[in-house]
Amino acid sequence: MTSYLEIYTLATGERQVVLETEDHIEAPNFTRDGAALIVNGGGRLYRVTWDAEVPALSPIDTGFATALNNDHGLSPDGRTLAISHKTDGESCIYTLPLEGGTPVRVTEKTPSYWHGWSPDGAQIAYTAKREGSFSIHVSAVDGSGETRLTGEEGHDDGPDYTRDGAWIWFNSDRSGAAQLWRVRPDGTDLQQMTRESSVNWFPHPSPTEDHVLYLAYPEGTTGHPPGKDVALKLLDPESGESRELVRLYGGQGTINVPCWHPDGRRFAFVRYA
């Protein structure tokens, strides 16, 4: 299988292939200066300078953490990486410097899958299974004060903060097939935001706060599998209207984590062939 790391520009619909590789890579994040992308592959993290003459996968030293899944991302100041590493058979969240180093454990309990960082840098949002089903949790960056925001009504996943910190968006199948939802960071004001025939995952609010990018699977899809004909769609949270941007072969690994460029005018994704 070939992986294609791409950047999509909203204003023009232009797609730029940054990197084509026979390695299986997933889940791109932009660095805060917008100059590079962070991707996962084979349990490791890599940096790709996307405007380099010859972009390539440059390994990031994650110390003992060599069994990473694709749930990773950067702090608001761009200095710290959150990673999700398999510990004793279950995913656990750690942090380390962007340039690499020894990971520091964050979540005491497992499984925990990082997905979002609050704009003030004080909290992280993650998917975790504590009692029954997977639900949305938040804690301080050091793991203290873990709080469960959603109940056991279904499988909740992919939490990501809005730029102003007022909402956490996520996907949930509590109403049937997975759709997009949002909730306040204190767990109040739960709202369903899409009611489509597609099965919707991994909402990512834009830095400009005027739309939300998400992954749409075909009707009837269970979970978030790889190797599917999917679409990337853009939702206007005010009007509730969405539009399709890209159709591709992908799914798991395409946009699992925050993937917007800091300017909010473009985003990164991975497709496969």
Protein backbone atom coordinates (compact mmCIF):
# COMPACT_ATOMS: atom_id res chain seq x y z
CA MET A 1 0.00 0.00 0.00
CA THR A 2 1.20 3.52 -0.83
CA SER A 3 0.58 6.45 1.53
CA TYR A 4 0.08 9.98 0.17
CA LEU A 5 0.48 12.90 2.57
CA GLU A 6 -1.48 15.81 1.12
CA ILE A 7 -2.39 19.43 1.89
CA TYR A 8 -5.76 20.84 0.82
CA THR A 9 -6.25 24.61 0.34
CA LEU A 10 -9.82 25.76 1.04
CA ALA A 11 -9.88 28.85 -1.16
CA THR A 12 -8.90 27.05 -4.36
CA GLY A 13 -9.58 23.36 -3.70
CA GLU A 14 -5.96 22.72 -4.68
CA ARG A 15 -4.40 19.47 -3.41
CA GLN A 16 -0.65 19.25 -2.96
CA VAL A 17 0.98 15.85 -2.51
CA VAL A 18 3.74 16.50 0.03
CA LEU A 19 5.06 12.97 0.34
CA GLU A 20 4.48 9.64 -1.39
CA THR A 21 5.86 6.64 0.47
CA GLU A 22 5.53 2.88 0.59
CA ASP A 23 5.61 3.19 4.39
CA HIS A 24 2.22 3.22 6.09
CA ILE A 25 1.86 6.67 7.69
CA GLU A 26 -1.10 8.19 9.48
CA ALA A 27 -2.60 11.17 11.29
CA PRO A 28 -0.81 14.41 10.28
CA ASN A 29 -0.45 17.48 12.53
CA PHE A 30 1.10 20.78 11.49
CA THR A 31 3.76 22.27 13.73
CA ARG A 32 2.76 25.65 15.16
CA ASP A 33 4.95 27.55 12.72
CA GLY A 34 3.24 25.70 9.86
CA ALA A 35 6.58 24.62 8.40
CA ALA A 36 6.42 20.90 9.09
CA LEU A 37 4.05 17.99 9.64
CA ILE A 38 4.14 15.28 12.31
CA VAL A 39 2.95 11.80 11.27
CA ASN A 40 2.82 8.34 12.81
CA GLY A 41 4.13 5.17 11.21
CA GLY A 42 5.06 1.74 12.52
CA GLY A 43 4.69 2.81 16.15
CA ARG A 44 7.03 5.80 15.72
CA LEU A 45 6.68 9.53 15.01
CA TYR A 46 8.21 11.37 12.07
CA ARG A 47 8.64 14.98 11.02
CA VAL A 48 8.13 16.03 7.39
CA THR A 49 9.19 19.49 6.23
CA TRP A 50 6.49 19.87 3.63
CA ASP A 51 7.99 22.68 1.55
CA ALA A 52 11.45 21.08 1.40
CA GLU A 53 12.92 20.33 -2.02
CA VAL A 54 12.86 16.61 -1.19
CA PRO A 55 10.42 15.98 1.70
CA ALA A 56 11.29 12.91 3.75
CA LEU A 57 10.35 11.14 6.98
CA SER A 58 12.70 12.30 9.75
CA PRO A 59 12.38 10.24 12.96
CA ILE A 60 11.48 11.93 16.25
CA ASP A 61 13.15 10.34 19.28
CA THR A 62 10.39 9.11 21.59
CA GLY A 63 12.67 7.12 23.88
CA PHE A 64 11.12 3.91 25.17
CA ALA A 65 7.78 4.74 23.52
CA THR A 66 7.99 2.76 20.29
CA ALA A 67 4.47 1.34 20.22
CA LEU A 68 2.58 4.53 19.43
CA ASN A 69 -0.87 4.57 17.91
CA ASN A 70 -1.98 7.47 15.72
CA ASP A 71 -3.35 9.70 18.50
CA HIS A 72 -0.76 12.46 18.93
CA GLY A 73 -0.52 16.24 18.75
CA LEU A 74 1.10 19.48 19.82
CA SER A 75 0.58 21.86 22.72
CA PRO A 76 -0.67 25.37 21.86
CA ASP A 77 2.83 26.80 22.27
CA GLY A 78 4.20 24.15 19.92
CA ARG A 79 6.85 22.93 22.33
CA THR A 80 5.35 19.70 23.63
CA LEU A 81 4.04 16.57 21.96
CA ALA A 82 1.29 14.41 23.43
CA ILE A 83 1.51 10.78 22.39
CA SER A 84 -0.50 7.63 23.01
CA HIS A 85 1.79 4.68 23.69
CA LYS A 86 0.81 1.12 24.48
CA THR A 87 1.71 0.39 28.11
CA ASP A 88 1.03 -3.08 29.53
CA GLY A 89 -1.16 -3.82 26.54
CA GLU A 90 -3.28 -0.65 26.73
CA SER A 91 -2.89 2.89 25.38
CA CYS A 92 -1.54 5.49 27.81
CA ILE A 93 -0.90 9.22 27.25
CA TYR A 94 2.59 10.67 27.63
CA THR A 95 4.21 14.01 26.80
CA LEU A 96 7.69 14.87 25.56
CA PRO A 97 9.49 17.82 23.91
CA LEU A 98 8.80 18.38 20.21
CA GLU A 99 12.47 17.84 19.41
CA GLY A 100 12.31 14.44 21.14
CA GLY A 101 13.25 13.06 24.53
CA THR A 102 12.07 10.82 27.33
CA PRO A 103 8.26 10.63 27.58
CA VAL A 104 6.56 11.58 30.86
CA ARG A 105 3.45 9.62 31.79
CA VAL A 106 0.22 11.63 32.02
CA THR A 107 -2.76 9.31 32.50
CA GLU A 108 -2.64 6.93 35.43
CA LYS A 109 -5.42 4.77 34.05
CA THR A 110 -5.64 2.96 30.71
CA PRO A 111 -6.80 2.82 28.01
CA SER A 112 -6.46 6.53 27.21
CA TYR A 113 -6.14 8.02 23.71
CA TRP A 114 -5.09 11.67 23.35
CA HIS A 115 -7.05 13.85 20.90
CA GLY A 116 -7.08 17.51 21.91
CA TRP A 117 -5.34 20.27 23.84
CA SER A 118 -7.18 23.26 25.31
CA PRO A 119 -6.17 26.62 23.76
CA ASP A 120 -4.76 27.87 27.08
CA GLY A 121 -2.53 24.79 27.32
CA ALA A 122 -3.93 23.81 30.72
CA GLN A 123 -5.99 20.74 29.81
CA ILE A 124 -6.07 17.80 27.43
CA ALA A 125 -9.10 15.98 26.07
CA TYR A 126 -9.04 12.27 25.36
CA THR A 127 -11.05 9.15 24.75
CA ALA A 128 -10.90 6.65 27.59
CA LYS A 129 -12.64 3.52 28.79
CA ARG A 130 -13.08 3.51 32.53
CA GLU A 131 -16.46 1.93 33.18
CA GLY A 132 -18.38 0.36 30.34
CA SER A 133 -18.08 2.22 27.04
CA PHE A 134 -15.53 4.68 25.66
CA SER A 135 -16.30 8.26 26.64
CA ILE A 136 -14.78 11.75 26.59
CA HIS A 137 -12.50 12.78 29.45
CA VAL A 138 -10.43 15.85 30.32
CA SER A 139 -7.61 16.35 32.79
CA ALA A 140 -4.82 18.76 33.61
CA VAL A 141 -1.74 18.31 31.43
CA ASP A 142 -0.06 16.40 34.26
CA GLY A 143 -3.00 13.97 34.40
CA SER A 144 -4.51 15.29 37.62
CA GLY A 145 -8.20 15.99 38.00
CA GLU A 146 -9.45 13.52 35.41
CA THR A 147 -13.11 14.27 34.69
CA ARG A 148 -15.54 12.31 32.58
CA LEU A 149 -17.64 14.60 30.37
CA THR A 150 -19.95 12.12 28.63
CA GLY A 151 -21.89 9.11 29.90
CA GLU A 152 -22.30 5.53 28.77
CA GLU A 153 -24.94 6.10 26.06
CA GLY A 154 -22.60 5.01 23.25
CA HIS A 155 -19.05 5.05 21.93
CA ASP A 156 -17.65 8.59 22.10
CA ASP A 157 -14.36 9.44 20.37
CA GLY A 158 -12.11 12.07 18.77
CA PRO A 159 -12.52 15.13 21.06
CA ASP A 160 -11.07 18.40 19.76
CA TYR A 161 -11.37 21.92 21.22
CA THR A 162 -12.57 25.01 19.41
CA ARG A 163 -10.03 27.83 19.15
CA ASP A 164 -11.82 29.87 21.84
CA GLY A 165 -12.02 26.87 24.19
CA ALA A 166 -15.80 27.16 24.47
CA TRP A 167 -16.60 23.72 23.02
CA ILE A 168 -15.20 20.24 22.66
CA TRP A 169 -16.35 18.52 19.47
CA PHE A 170 -16.43 14.73 19.22
CA ASN A 171 -18.19 11.87 17.46
CA SER A 172 -20.66 9.52 19.09
CA ASP A 173 -22.98 6.69 18.09
CA ARG A 174 -25.35 7.38 20.99
CA SER A 175 -28.10 8.29 18.51
CA GLY A 176 -27.41 5.32 16.19
CA ALA A 177 -24.62 5.55 13.63
CA ALA A 178 -21.74 7.87 14.57
CA GLN A 179 -22.49 11.58 14.16
CA LEU A 180 -20.84 14.81 15.30
CA TRP A 181 -21.59 16.24 18.75
CA ARG A 182 -20.23 19.01 20.94
CA VAL A 183 -20.16 19.68 24.68
CA ARG A 184 -18.87 22.39 26.98
CA PRO A 185 -15.52 21.66 28.68
CA ASP A 186 -17.40 21.29 31.98
CA GLY A 187 -19.66 18.59 30.50
CA THR A 188 -22.79 20.74 30.09
CA ASP A 189 -24.88 21.69 27.04
CA LEU A 190 -24.45 18.48 25.04
CA GLN A 191 -25.59 19.02 21.41
CA GLN A 192 -25.88 16.80 18.34
CA MET A 193 -24.49 18.69 15.33
CA THR A 194 -25.01 16.36 12.34
CA ARG A 195 -27.86 14.07 11.34
CA GLU A 196 -26.64 12.55 8.08
CA SER A 197 -26.82 9.17 6.39
CA SER A 198 -23.01 9.06 6.41
CA VAL A 199 -21.15 7.74 9.46
CA ASN A 200 -19.17 10.74 10.75
CA TRP A 201 -15.90 10.71 12.70
CA PHE A 202 -13.07 12.93 13.94
CA PRO A 203 -14.39 16.52 13.88
CA HIS A 204 -11.69 19.20 13.82
CA PRO A 205 -12.79 22.82 14.38
CA SER A 206 -10.90 25.29 12.22
CA PRO A 207 -8.56 27.84 13.85
CA THR A 208 -10.79 30.47 12.23
CA GLU A 209 -13.79 28.94 14.08
CA ASP A 210 -16.13 29.17 11.10
CA HIS A 211 -16.20 25.51 10.08
CA VAL A 212 -15.45 21.96 11.21
CA LEU A 213 -13.61 19.37 9.13
CA TYR A 214 -14.64 15.73 9.51
CA LEU A 215 -14.36 12.25 8.01
CA ALA A 216 -17.50 10.73 6.50
CA TYR A 217 -17.82 6.97 6.02
CA PRO A 218 -20.50 5.29 3.89
CA GLU A 219 -23.82 4.53 5.52
CA GLY A 220 -23.71 1.30 7.51
CA THR A 221 -20.00 1.47 8.40
CA THR A 222 -19.16 0.12 11.86
CA GLY A 223 -16.36 1.76 13.82
CA HIS A 224 -13.61 3.68 12.01
CA PRO A 225 -11.90 1.08 9.80
CA PRO A 226 -9.10 1.62 7.28
CA GLY A 227 -9.36 0.89 3.58
CA LYS A 228 -12.72 2.48 2.80
CA ASP A 229 -14.05 4.91 0.21
CA VAL A 230 -14.59 7.96 2.39
CA ALA A 231 -15.06 11.71 2.11
CA LEU A 232 -13.68 14.75 3.88
CA LYS A 233 -16.47 17.22 4.59
CA LEU A 234 -16.74 20.74 5.98
CA LEU A 235 -19.55 21.72 8.36
CA ASP A 236 -20.77 25.25 9.06
CA PRO A 237 -21.72 25.00 12.75
CA GLU A 238 -24.03 28.01 12.54
CA SER A 239 -26.16 26.90 9.59
CA GLY A 240 -25.69 23.16 10.05
CA GLU A 241 -24.89 22.82 6.36
CA SER A 242 -21.97 20.70 5.15
CA ARG A 243 -20.20 20.23 1.85
CA GLU A 244 -17.93 17.55 0.49
CA LEU A 245 -14.34 18.55 -0.25
CA VAL A 246 -12.51 15.34 -1.16
CA ARG A 247 -13.33 11.73 -1.91
CA LEU A 248 -10.53 9.29 -1.21
CA TYR A 249 -9.51 5.79 -0.19
CA GLY A 250 -8.72 5.92 3.50
CA GLY A 251 -10.50 6.12 6.85
CA GLN A 252 -8.46 5.12 9.89
CA GLY A 253 -5.31 7.26 9.76
CA THR A 254 -6.64 9.92 7.37
CA ILE A 255 -7.43 12.73 9.87
CA ASN A 256 -7.55 11.08 13.31
CA VAL A 257 -6.02 14.09 15.07
CA PRO A 258 -6.01 17.92 14.67
CA CYS A 259 -4.76 18.55 11.13
CA TRP A 260 -5.37 22.24 10.39
CA HIS A 261 -2.57 24.57 9.37
CA PRO A 262 -2.32 27.40 11.96
CA ASP A 263 -3.68 29.88 9.40
CA GLY A 264 -6.96 27.94 9.13
CA ARG A 265 -6.85 28.11 5.33
CA ARG A 266 -5.56 24.59 4.68
CA PHE A 267 -5.34 21.19 6.28
CA ALA A 268 -3.37 17.97 5.91
CA PHE A 269 -4.63 14.42 5.38
CA VAL A 270 -3.41 11.00 4.31
CA ARG A 271 -4.91 8.88 1.57
CA TYR A 272 -3.90 5.42 0.45
CA ALA A 273 -3.65 3.39 -2.75
